[in-house]
Protein backbone atom coordinates (compact mmCIF):
# COMPACT_ATOMS: atom_id res chain seq x y z
CA UNK A 1 20.09 16.95 32.90
CA UNK A 2 18.42 13.55 32.76
CA UNK A 3 15.08 14.48 33.33
CA UNK A 4 15.28 17.26 31.22
CA UNK A 5 16.32 14.99 28.12
CA UNK A 6 13.96 12.63 28.61
CA UNK A 7 11.08 15.41 28.80
CA UNK A 8 12.73 16.72 25.47
CA UNK A 9 12.46 13.46 23.84
CA UNK A 10 8.53 13.29 24.63
CA UNK A 11 7.76 16.83 22.97
CA UNK A 12 10.07 15.54 19.72
CA UNK A 13 8.24 12.61 19.58
CA UNK A 14 5.05 14.10 19.83
CA UNK A 15 5.55 16.53 17.06
CA UNK A 16 6.91 13.78 14.96
CA UNK A 17 3.70 11.80 15.76
CA UNK A 18 1.59 15.16 14.70
CA UNK A 19 3.63 15.77 11.15
CA UNK A 20 3.29 11.74 10.48
CA UNK A 21 -0.03 11.97 11.24
CA UNK A 22 -1.13 14.57 8.14
CA UNK A 23 1.28 12.81 5.61
CA UNK A 24 -0.65 12.08 2.21
CA UNK A 25 -3.94 14.49 3.42
CA UNK A 26 -5.57 17.22 2.01
CA UNK A 27 -5.65 19.57 5.08
CA UNK A 28 -8.89 21.49 4.13
CA UNK A 29 -10.74 22.66 6.93
CA UNK A 30 -12.83 19.42 7.35
CA UNK A 31 -9.64 17.41 7.55
CA UNK A 32 -7.90 19.69 9.77
CA UNK A 33 -10.88 20.16 12.36
CA UNK A 34 -12.69 16.76 12.17
CA UNK A 35 -10.43 14.19 10.35
CA UNK A 36 -12.56 14.13 7.42
CA UNK A 37 -15.17 12.38 9.58
CA UNK A 38 -13.20 9.12 9.52
CA UNK A 39 -11.95 8.09 12.85
CA UNK A 40 -13.03 4.77 14.47
CA UNK A 41 -13.81 3.40 17.70
CA UNK A 42 -10.17 3.63 19.23
CA UNK A 43 -9.62 7.71 18.00
CA UNK A 44 -13.16 8.68 18.98
CA UNK A 45 -12.45 6.93 22.48
CA UNK A 46 -9.39 8.57 22.76
CA UNK A 47 -10.69 12.10 21.83
CA UNK A 48 -13.95 12.30 23.59
CA UNK A 49 -12.83 9.61 26.89
CA UNK A 50 -8.86 10.13 26.95
CA UNK A 51 -9.07 14.02 26.83
CA UNK A 52 -10.28 13.79 30.44
CA UNK A 53 -6.80 13.27 31.29
CA UNK A 54 -5.32 16.11 30.88
CA UNK A 55 -3.30 18.50 33.66
CA UNK A 56 -6.12 18.72 35.20
CA UNK A 57 -6.58 15.31 35.83
CA UNK A 58 -3.00 14.83 36.51
CA UNK A 59 -1.87 17.84 38.76
CA UNK A 60 -5.32 19.65 39.24
CA UNK A 61 -7.23 16.35 41.00
CA UNK A 62 -4.34 15.13 43.24
CA UNK A 63 -3.64 19.00 44.40
CA UNK A 64 -7.40 18.96 45.37
CA UNK A 65 -7.03 15.44 47.00
CA UNK A 66 -3.89 17.31 48.92
CA UNK A 67 -5.89 20.38 49.34
CA UNK A 68 -9.22 20.02 49.88
CA UNK A 69 -9.97 16.44 50.52
CA UNK A 70 -13.16 15.18 49.77
CA UNK A 71 -14.63 17.53 47.63
CA UNK A 72 -11.97 16.23 45.27
CA UNK A 73 -14.31 13.22 44.82
CA UNK A 74 -16.85 15.11 42.58
CA UNK A 75 -13.74 14.68 39.82
CA UNK A 76 -14.17 10.71 39.75
CA UNK A 77 -18.40 11.31 39.51
CA UNK A 78 -19.02 13.64 36.81
CA UNK A 79 -17.54 11.94 34.06
CA UNK A 80 -19.13 8.57 34.54
CA UNK A 81 -22.48 10.37 34.28
CA UNK A 82 -21.68 11.68 31.07
CA UNK A 83 -20.73 8.91 29.39
CA UNK A 84 -23.88 7.37 30.39
CA UNK A 85 -25.63 10.14 29.12
CA UNK A 86 -23.52 9.78 25.68
CA UNK A 87 -25.06 6.73 25.08
CA UNK A 88 -28.41 8.81 23.69
CA UNK A 89 -27.12 12.31 23.36
CA UNK A 90 -24.06 11.90 20.68
CA UNK A 91 -25.65 9.61 17.94
CA UNK A 92 -28.46 12.20 16.93
CA UNK A 93 -25.67 15.05 17.23
CA UNK A 94 -23.47 12.89 14.92
CA UNK A 95 -26.23 11.89 12.36
CA UNK A 96 -27.19 15.68 11.98
CA UNK A 97 -24.15 16.99 11.78
CA UNK A 98 -23.07 13.83 8.76
CA UNK A 99 -26.01 14.74 6.83
CA UNK A 100 -25.48 18.94 7.06
CA UNK A 101 -21.69 18.46 6.91
CA UNK A 102 -21.19 20.50 10.02
CA UNK A 103 -17.88 21.51 11.05
CA UNK A 104 -18.13 23.13 14.62
CA UNK A 105 -19.88 22.98 17.38
CA UNK A 106 -21.70 26.51 16.41
CA UNK A 107 -22.82 25.01 12.92
CA UNK A 108 -25.17 22.76 15.10
CA UNK A 109 -26.89 25.70 16.50
CA UNK A 110 -26.93 27.45 12.93
CA UNK A 111 -28.42 24.48 11.33
CA UNK A 112 -31.06 23.84 14.03
CA UNK A 113 -31.80 26.94 14.56
CA UNK A 114 -31.60 28.41 11.48
CA UNK A 115 -29.84 31.40 12.96
CA UNK A 116 -25.99 32.51 11.70
CA UNK A 117 -26.14 35.13 14.69
CA UNK A 118 -26.84 32.29 17.54
CA UNK A 119 -23.80 30.26 16.06
CA UNK A 120 -21.62 33.50 16.50
CA UNK A 121 -23.12 34.00 20.15
CA UNK A 122 -22.55 30.00 20.64
CA UNK A 123 -19.01 30.62 19.25
CA UNK A 124 -17.95 33.51 21.09
CA UNK A 125 -19.23 31.90 24.48
CA UNK A 126 -17.29 28.79 23.31
CA UNK A 127 -14.04 30.66 23.22
CA UNK A 128 -14.47 32.69 26.14
CA UNK A 129 -14.83 29.06 28.26
CA UNK A 130 -11.70 27.67 26.51
CA UNK A 131 -9.32 30.57 27.56
CA UNK A 132 -9.31 29.22 31.29
CA UNK A 133 -9.57 25.55 30.18
CA UNK A 134 -6.34 26.24 27.84
CA UNK A 135 -4.63 28.92 30.67
CA UNK A 136 -4.84 25.52 32.88
CA UNK A 137 -2.86 23.59 30.29
CA UNK A 138 -0.24 26.14 30.01
CA UNK A 139 -0.06 26.49 33.53
CA UNK A 140 0.17 22.80 34.18
CA UNK A 141 2.89 22.74 31.41
CA UNK A 142 4.78 24.81 33.68
CA UNK A 143 4.45 23.44 36.47
CA UNK A 144 5.25 20.02 35.20
CA UNK A 145 8.55 21.16 33.23
CA UNK A 146 9.96 23.76 36.00
CA UNK A 147 9.35 20.85 39.01
CA UNK A 148 10.60 17.87 36.77
CA UNK A 149 13.49 19.83 35.71
CA UNK A 150 14.51 20.56 39.18
CA UNK A 151 14.66 24.25 38.42
CA UNK A 152 16.69 24.14 35.48
CA UNK A 153 13.95 25.26 33.26
CA UNK A 154 11.86 28.11 34.88
CA UNK A 155 7.99 27.98 34.47
CA UNK A 156 8.02 31.18 32.58
CA UNK A 157 10.30 29.62 29.98
CA UNK A 158 8.64 26.32 30.09
CA UNK A 159 5.45 28.02 29.19
CA UNK A 160 6.89 30.12 26.36
CA UNK A 161 8.79 27.17 24.84
CA UNK A 162 5.09 25.03 25.26
CA UNK A 163 3.22 27.76 23.80
CA UNK A 164 5.31 28.09 20.64
CA UNK A 165 5.56 24.19 19.97
CA UNK A 166 1.59 24.00 20.65
CA UNK A 167 1.25 26.69 17.93
CA UNK A 168 3.28 24.59 15.52
CA UNK A 169 1.96 21.82 16.48
CA UNK A 170 -1.92 22.83 15.53
CA UNK A 171 -1.20 24.48 12.54
CA UNK A 172 0.61 21.69 11.33
CA UNK A 173 -1.52 18.52 11.97
CA UNK A 174 -4.75 19.50 13.06
CA UNK A 175 -7.22 16.89 14.93
CA UNK A 176 -5.27 14.18 12.85
CA UNK A 177 -2.05 14.71 15.06
CA UNK A 178 -4.00 15.00 18.50
CA UNK A 179 -5.58 11.87 17.72
CA UNK A 180 -2.13 10.24 17.31
CA UNK A 181 -0.54 11.79 19.85
CA UNK A 182 -3.34 11.01 22.29
CA UNK A 183 -2.37 7.44 21.91
CA UNK A 184 1.06 7.91 23.32
CA UNK A 185 -0.34 10.28 25.90
CA UNK A 186 -2.86 7.95 27.11
CA UNK A 187 -0.53 4.83 27.25
CA UNK A 188 2.13 6.74 29.33
CA UNK A 189 0.00 8.56 31.58
CA UNK A 190 -2.27 5.67 32.34
CA UNK A 191 1.15 3.33 33.36
CA UNK A 192 2.72 6.37 35.26
CA UNK A 193 -0.56 6.87 37.19
CA UNK A 194 -1.15 3.65 38.32
CA UNK A 195 2.46 2.98 39.07
CA UNK A 196 2.46 6.27 41.31
CA UNK A 197 -0.94 5.49 42.79
CA UNK A 198 0.42 2.28 43.85
CA UNK A 199 3.97 2.61 44.67
CA UNK A 200 3.47 5.59 47.20
CA UNK A 201 0.99 4.32 49.38
CA UNK A 202 2.94 1.16 49.58
CA UNK A 203 6.74 3.00 49.95
CA UNK A 204 5.15 5.15 52.49
CA UNK A 205 2.59 3.55 54.47
CA UNK A 206 2.76 -0.20 53.90
CA UNK A 207 -0.66 0.13 52.02
CA UNK A 208 -3.51 1.87 50.76
CA UNK A 209 -5.45 1.51 53.86
CA UNK A 210 -2.85 2.57 56.43
CA UNK A 211 -2.27 5.80 54.06
CA UNK A 212 -5.91 6.50 54.88
CA UNK A 213 -5.59 5.78 58.33
CA UNK A 214 -2.99 8.17 58.48
CA UNK A 215 -4.56 10.73 56.85
CA UNK A 216 -7.46 10.40 58.88
CA UNK A 217 -5.40 10.45 61.94
CA UNK A 218 -3.25 13.25 61.00
CA UNK A 219 -6.44 15.73 59.44
CA UNK A 220 -9.81 14.23 61.33
CA UNK A 221 -12.70 14.73 58.90
CA UNK A 222 -10.49 15.38 56.07
CA UNK A 223 -12.05 12.57 53.98
CA UNK A 224 -15.46 13.70 54.62
CA UNK A 225 -17.39 16.73 53.23
CA UNK A 226 -17.64 19.45 55.50
CA UNK A 227 -21.29 20.73 56.77
CA UNK A 228 -21.09 24.01 54.69
CA UNK A 229 -19.16 25.63 51.88
CA UNK A 230 -18.08 22.27 49.54
CA UNK A 231 -20.94 20.65 51.03
CA UNK A 232 -22.97 17.86 49.59
CA UNK A 233 -25.06 20.25 47.90
CA UNK A 234 -22.29 21.74 46.49
CA UNK A 235 -20.72 18.38 45.72
CA UNK A 236 -24.16 17.31 43.81
CA UNK A 237 -24.81 20.17 41.91
CA UNK A 238 -21.08 20.75 40.91
CA UNK A 239 -21.63 16.79 39.57
CA UNK A 240 -24.54 17.69 37.65
CA UNK A 241 -23.08 20.43 36.36
CA UNK A 242 -19.81 19.04 34.86
CA UNK A 243 -21.47 15.80 33.75
CA UNK A 244 -24.32 17.94 31.66
CA UNK A 245 -21.84 20.21 30.70
CA UNK A 246 -18.99 17.75 29.86
CA UNK A 247 -19.91 17.37 25.69
CA UNK A 248 -20.89 20.96 25.41
CA UNK A 249 -17.44 22.21 25.60
CA UNK A 250 -16.75 23.10 21.66
CA UNK A 251 -14.00 20.62 21.61
CA UNK A 252 -15.58 17.60 22.98
CA UNK A 253 -18.57 18.53 20.92
CA UNK A 254 -17.17 18.66 17.52
CA UNK A 255 -14.85 15.66 18.33
CA UNK A 256 -17.99 13.67 17.91
CA UNK A 257 -18.27 14.75 14.32
CA UNK A 258 -15.08 12.48 13.60
CA UNK A 259 -16.89 9.31 14.09
CA UNK A 260 -17.39 6.85 11.21
CA UNK A 261 -20.74 5.76 12.33
CA UNK A 262 -23.03 6.00 15.71
CA UNK A 263 -22.31 2.88 16.66
CA UNK A 264 -19.07 4.28 17.89
CA UNK A 265 -20.50 6.13 20.58
CA UNK A 266 -22.54 3.41 21.94
CA UNK A 267 -19.81 1.12 22.30
CA UNK A 268 -17.52 3.71 23.93
CA UNK A 269 -20.64 4.65 26.08
CA UNK A 270 -20.38 0.91 27.52
CA UNK A 271 -16.50 0.93 28.39
CA UNK A 272 -15.79 4.51 29.22
CA UNK A 273 -17.25 5.02 32.95
CA UNK A 274 -14.69 2.30 33.58
CA UNK A 275 -12.09 4.54 32.56
CA UNK A 276 -12.82 6.73 35.39
CA UNK A 277 -11.12 4.26 37.83
CA UNK A 278 -7.89 5.46 37.09
CA UNK A 279 -8.74 8.58 38.69
CA UNK A 280 -8.87 6.89 42.06
CA UNK A 281 -4.79 6.43 41.84
CA UNK A 282 -4.38 10.07 41.21
CA UNK A 283 -6.07 10.83 44.28
CA UNK A 284 -3.93 8.02 46.24
CA UNK A 285 -0.64 10.12 45.07
CA UNK A 286 -2.52 13.42 46.42
CA UNK A 287 -3.01 11.92 49.59
CA UNK A 288 0.29 10.47 50.25
CA UNK A 289 2.02 13.90 49.43
CA UNK A 290 -0.38 15.34 52.11
CA UNK A 291 1.85 13.71 54.52
CA UNK A 292 5.01 13.10 52.64
CA UNK A 293 5.87 17.03 51.52
CA UNK A 294 3.42 18.95 53.71
CA UNK A 295 3.00 22.47 53.79
CA UNK A 296 1.87 23.41 50.19
CA UNK A 297 -0.88 25.86 50.32
CA UNK A 298 -3.51 27.40 48.03
CA UNK A 299 -2.77 26.92 44.13
CA UNK A 300 0.24 25.16 45.20
CA UNK A 301 -1.38 22.05 46.19
CA UNK A 302 -1.28 21.54 42.32
CA UNK A 303 2.70 20.81 43.08
CA UNK A 304 1.74 17.86 45.11
CA UNK A 305 2.07 15.34 42.85
CA UNK A 306 5.21 16.20 41.45
CA UNK A 307 7.15 17.29 44.51
CA UNK A 308 6.59 13.47 46.00
CA UNK A 309 7.70 12.16 42.76
CA UNK A 310 11.02 14.35 43.15
CA UNK A 311 11.36 13.65 46.74
CA UNK A 312 10.94 9.58 46.04
CA UNK A 313 12.44 8.94 42.66
CA UNK A 314 15.74 9.02 40.72
CA UNK A 315 16.10 11.79 37.90
CA UNK A 316 14.96 9.59 34.87
CA UNK A 317 11.89 8.13 36.75
CA UNK A 318 11.00 12.17 37.13
CA UNK A 319 11.80 12.71 33.80
CA UNK A 320 9.36 9.90 32.39
CA UNK A 321 6.43 11.42 34.90
CA UNK A 322 7.23 14.93 33.57
CA UNK A 323 7.05 13.95 29.96
CA UNK A 324 3.46 12.16 30.35
CA UNK A 325 2.41 15.32 32.13
CA UNK A 326 3.88 17.31 29.06
CA UNK A 327 1.35 15.23 27.21
CA UNK A 328 -1.57 16.19 29.07
CA UNK A 329 -0.81 19.43 28.21
CA UNK A 330 0.19 19.58 24.61
CA UNK A 331 -2.89 17.25 23.24
CA UNK A 332 -5.71 18.77 24.61
CA UNK A 333 -4.24 22.23 24.07
CA UNK A 334 -4.24 21.40 20.63
CA UNK A 335 -7.65 20.49 20.53
CA UNK A 336 -8.75 23.63 22.36
CA UNK A 337 -6.87 26.01 19.85
CA UNK A 338 -7.82 24.27 17.14
CA UNK A 339 -11.36 24.26 17.74
CA UNK A 340 -11.43 28.21 18.86
CA UNK A 341 -9.68 29.23 15.75
CA UNK A 342 -12.37 27.20 14.00
CA UNK A 343 -15.24 28.73 15.65
CA UNK A 344 -13.88 32.39 15.24
CA UNK A 345 -13.22 31.71 11.54
CA UNK A 346 -16.33 29.72 10.39
CA UNK A 347 -18.96 31.13 12.73
CA UNK A 348 -17.86 34.70 13.72
CA UNK A 349 -16.02 35.85 10.62
CA UNK A 350 -17.58 34.64 7.79
CA UNK A 351 -21.08 35.81 9.11
CA UNK A 352 -19.67 39.24 9.09
CA UNK A 353 -18.54 38.27 5.45
CA UNK A 354 -20.71 35.49 4.14
CA UNK A 355 -19.15 35.65 0.87
CA UNK A 356 -15.69 34.14 2.16
CA UNK A 357 -14.79 30.97 0.40
CA UNK A 358 -13.66 27.84 2.51
CA UNK A 359 -10.32 27.85 1.34
CA UNK A 360 -9.93 31.32 2.98
CA UNK A 361 -11.99 30.45 5.96
CA UNK A 362 -9.26 27.64 6.84
CA UNK A 363 -6.45 29.68 6.42
CA UNK A 364 -7.74 32.25 9.20
CA UNK A 365 -8.33 29.52 11.17
CA UNK A 366 -4.88 28.75 10.96
CA UNK A 367 -3.64 32.23 11.35
CA UNK A 368 -6.31 32.29 14.35
CA UNK A 369 -4.03 29.62 16.28
CA UNK A 370 -0.80 31.77 17.22
CA UNK A 371 -3.40 34.94 17.94
CA UNK A 372 -5.44 33.02 20.66
CA UNK A 373 -2.35 31.16 21.99
CA UNK A 374 -0.80 34.44 22.52
CA UNK A 375 -4.00 36.00 24.32
CA UNK A 376 -4.00 32.63 26.33
CA UNK A 377 -0.65 33.00 27.34
CA UNK A 378 -0.88 36.87 28.71
CA UNK A 379 -3.87 35.58 30.93
CA UNK A 380 -1.44 32.64 31.90
CA UNK A 381 0.97 35.37 33.14
CA UNK A 382 -1.59 37.78 34.62
CA UNK A 383 -4.27 35.23 36.13
CA UNK A 384 -4.57 33.55 39.41
CA UNK A 385 -6.27 30.17 41.14
CA UNK A 386 -5.93 26.56 40.68
CA UNK A 387 -6.21 24.49 37.99
CA UNK A 388 -9.69 22.75 38.91
CA UNK A 389 -10.95 26.42 40.00
CA UNK A 390 -10.47 27.43 36.32
CA UNK A 391 -11.98 24.19 34.76
CA UNK A 392 -15.11 25.00 36.94
CA UNK A 393 -15.28 28.36 35.49
CA UNK A 394 -15.12 27.25 32.28
CA UNK A 395 -17.85 24.40 32.97
CA UNK A 396 -20.28 27.08 34.35
CA UNK A 397 -20.02 29.01 30.93
CA UNK A 398 -20.24 26.10 28.46
CA UNK A 399 -23.10 24.41 30.51
CA UNK A 400 -25.42 27.12 29.38
CA UNK A 401 -25.37 25.90 25.82
CA UNK A 402 -27.11 22.43 27.27
CA UNK A 403 -30.95 23.68 27.60
CA UNK A 404 -30.67 24.62 23.47
CA UNK A 405 -28.83 21.65 22.72
CA UNK A 406 -31.56 19.36 24.31
CA UNK A 407 -34.66 21.49 23.08
CA UNK A 408 -33.15 20.90 19.67
CA UNK A 409 -33.44 17.43 20.02
CA UNK A 410 -36.90 17.08 21.21
CA UNK A 411 -39.72 15.72 18.92
CA UNK A 412 -41.58 18.75 18.99
CA UNK A 413 -39.73 22.08 18.63
CA UNK A 414 -40.00 24.39 22.30
CA UNK A 415 -36.99 26.36 21.98
CA UNK A 416 -37.14 29.43 19.41
CA UNK A 417 -33.87 31.04 18.34
CA UNK A 418 -34.55 33.94 20.63
CA UNK A 419 -35.23 31.51 23.27
CA UNK A 420 -32.11 30.01 23.04
CA UNK A 421 -30.40 33.24 22.81
CA UNK A 422 -31.77 34.80 25.44
CA UNK A 423 -31.32 31.95 27.73
CA UNK A 424 -27.44 31.69 27.16
CA UNK A 425 -26.98 35.35 27.63
CA UNK A 426 -28.74 35.02 30.90
CA UNK A 427 -26.99 32.16 31.97
CA UNK A 428 -23.15 33.85 31.14
CA UNK A 429 -24.00 36.91 32.41
CA UNK A 430 -24.73 35.59 35.65
CA UNK A 431 -21.83 33.20 35.82
CA UNK A 432 -19.76 36.08 34.47
CA UNK A 433 -20.83 38.77 37.32
CA UNK A 434 -20.31 36.43 40.07
CA UNK A 435 -16.83 35.02 38.85
CA UNK A 436 -15.57 38.57 38.39
CA UNK A 437 -17.21 39.87 41.29
CA UNK A 438 -16.43 37.41 43.92
CA UNK A 439 -19.96 37.46 45.29
CA UNK A 440 -21.63 34.31 46.48
CA UNK A 441 -25.07 33.68 46.77
CA UNK A 442 -24.69 33.77 50.49
CA UNK A 443 -23.92 37.20 50.84
CA UNK A 444 -26.54 38.56 48.67
CA UNK A 445 -29.44 35.89 50.16
CA UNK A 446 -27.96 35.12 54.06
CA UNK A 447 -31.59 34.22 55.11
CA UNK A 448 -31.32 31.06 52.48
CA UNK A 449 -31.08 27.67 53.82
CA UNK A 450 -26.85 26.58 53.82
CA UNK A 451 -27.82 23.86 51.54
CA UNK A 452 -29.06 26.60 48.67
CA UNK A 453 -26.04 29.04 49.48
CA UNK A 454 -23.79 26.12 48.63
CA UNK A 455 -24.97 25.29 45.28
CA UNK A 456 -22.90 25.75 42.58
CA UNK A 457 -23.17 29.04 40.63
CA UNK A 458 -23.34 27.63 37.58
CA UNK A 459 -26.72 25.36 38.41
CA UNK A 460 -27.96 28.70 39.46
CA UNK A 461 -27.45 30.55 36.63
CA UNK A 462 -28.59 27.35 34.58
CA UNK A 463 -32.11 27.24 36.22
CA UNK A 464 -32.15 31.09 35.01
CA UNK A 465 -31.16 30.14 31.79
CA UNK A 466 -33.81 27.27 31.35
CA UNK A 467 -36.38 29.63 32.82
CA UNK A 468 -35.75 32.46 30.52
CA UNK A 469 -35.28 30.16 27.63
CA UNK A 470 -38.80 28.83 28.01
CA UNK A 471 -40.46 31.87 28.66
CA UNK A 472 -38.70 33.85 25.75
CA UNK A 473 -39.35 31.02 23.22
CA UNK A 474 -43.01 30.90 24.55
CA UNK A 475 -43.22 34.52 23.45
CA UNK A 476 -41.71 34.00 20.28
CA UNK A 477 -42.95 30.60 19.03
CA UNK A 478 -46.22 32.13 17.63
CA UNK A 479 -44.43 34.40 15.41
CA UNK A 480 -41.19 32.11 14.62
CA UNK A 481 -40.66 30.73 11.10
CA UNK A 482 -41.59 27.33 10.32
CA UNK A 483 -38.90 25.01 11.36
CA UNK A 484 -37.86 21.34 10.06
CA UNK A 485 -38.78 18.94 12.58
CA UNK A 486 -36.17 18.02 14.96
CA UNK A 487 -34.64 14.37 15.19
CA UNK A 488 -35.46 13.16 18.49
CA UNK A 489 -33.02 11.76 20.72
CA UNK A 490 -32.83 7.87 19.46
CA UNK A 491 -34.89 8.34 16.83
CA UNK A 492 -33.02 5.92 14.42
CA UNK A 493 -33.07 2.17 14.62
CA UNK A 494 -31.50 0.63 17.40
CA UNK A 495 -27.72 0.00 17.21
CA UNK A 496 -26.61 -3.48 18.27
CA UNK A 497 -23.02 -3.13 20.18
């Protein structure tokens, strides 16, 4: 019961922070979803960099280290590349969003391409991609609370209770609550991860190096990439896909609107890659669990960090670890719910009913929060797959928005609204068909070289997307109405940091 009590304290503290954060603010749609564009360097850092520390990182990264070995290293690589890219990508997006008072990611597409229908398409793609990401958070929440409570609370009831709390939290506090709770989450999760990653190898193997020698002895070649399947080409294509898709998530894209100025992004881009080093300690915990609590197969590998924690520490430590894990589900889950609801209300419903006033759009967004939560709850109980697999599917979908975003930022408009829509539809359809049917590229085209067969399906869909985007844009550019010139990437005066 000690562990349950500590987890409950974390839950109450996060809700209290959320309520405190909204105090004294008129929670219209702009305040609720983008914080009135008043966040400084620390809060933007937490929303853009800190949000990588979700249940995916806490359980999925350690689970893949436990179950897959070397392929898990991709998790360490991709965000560092994305952070470097943010130095040039996010400032022009922020400037354009501020100038046009944008709220959602879909608003960016509407304004850039002068097409509300394209905005609706982007909103639907974003919501579809965010559902598996939200399912990931809820699955992780169930695992964390169930294992950390030593089975006293079932995974089923943990997910239901967590979903109710998450829905209330989002509706009441909006992004202000997410930002403040992210501060508590990151401090706690960093302390827990560093402690586990250092203590477990020392306790069981007398050091990190000895641990790796023991893993290599027990499972030869486990720490190197295989020659097929999750091979070098899979690794490179997955890192690339995840890096360019990092800021295409609707909640990350719109979180960039919250900054006070564009200097925030350039400051953060310098330090954010260092944040990735913390993932090493998550891997250490997963590799230690491989030998201490062996036998977890398939999706059960996601239990590895918590299983070794309960086998090693007293209940009060398990409670702190469980509380930290709870926050990794609550904060990203709140952003996902809020962003999905905002996209549907503003960029789908309002397109169908253009005369809807802003106040009613804001009310509808809050009404949609519990509806989306229930849909995610259904898929949580009726879907399978490991945590990392769910995230990879979402990345393959949102990355299909990247060509249109980059095209809109070029000095010369090379992408039309018809081309952007055609490319997005082609890419998303490819991902959906391959994911739903389970057909691999190697099955369809067995004569291809193994390196090509192993490519991440999202990269193949992206290549098709780019080809169709450029072809349709070339065919429609002559008849497209004149559009305002795009703001080139990095067109503003250099900002000193």
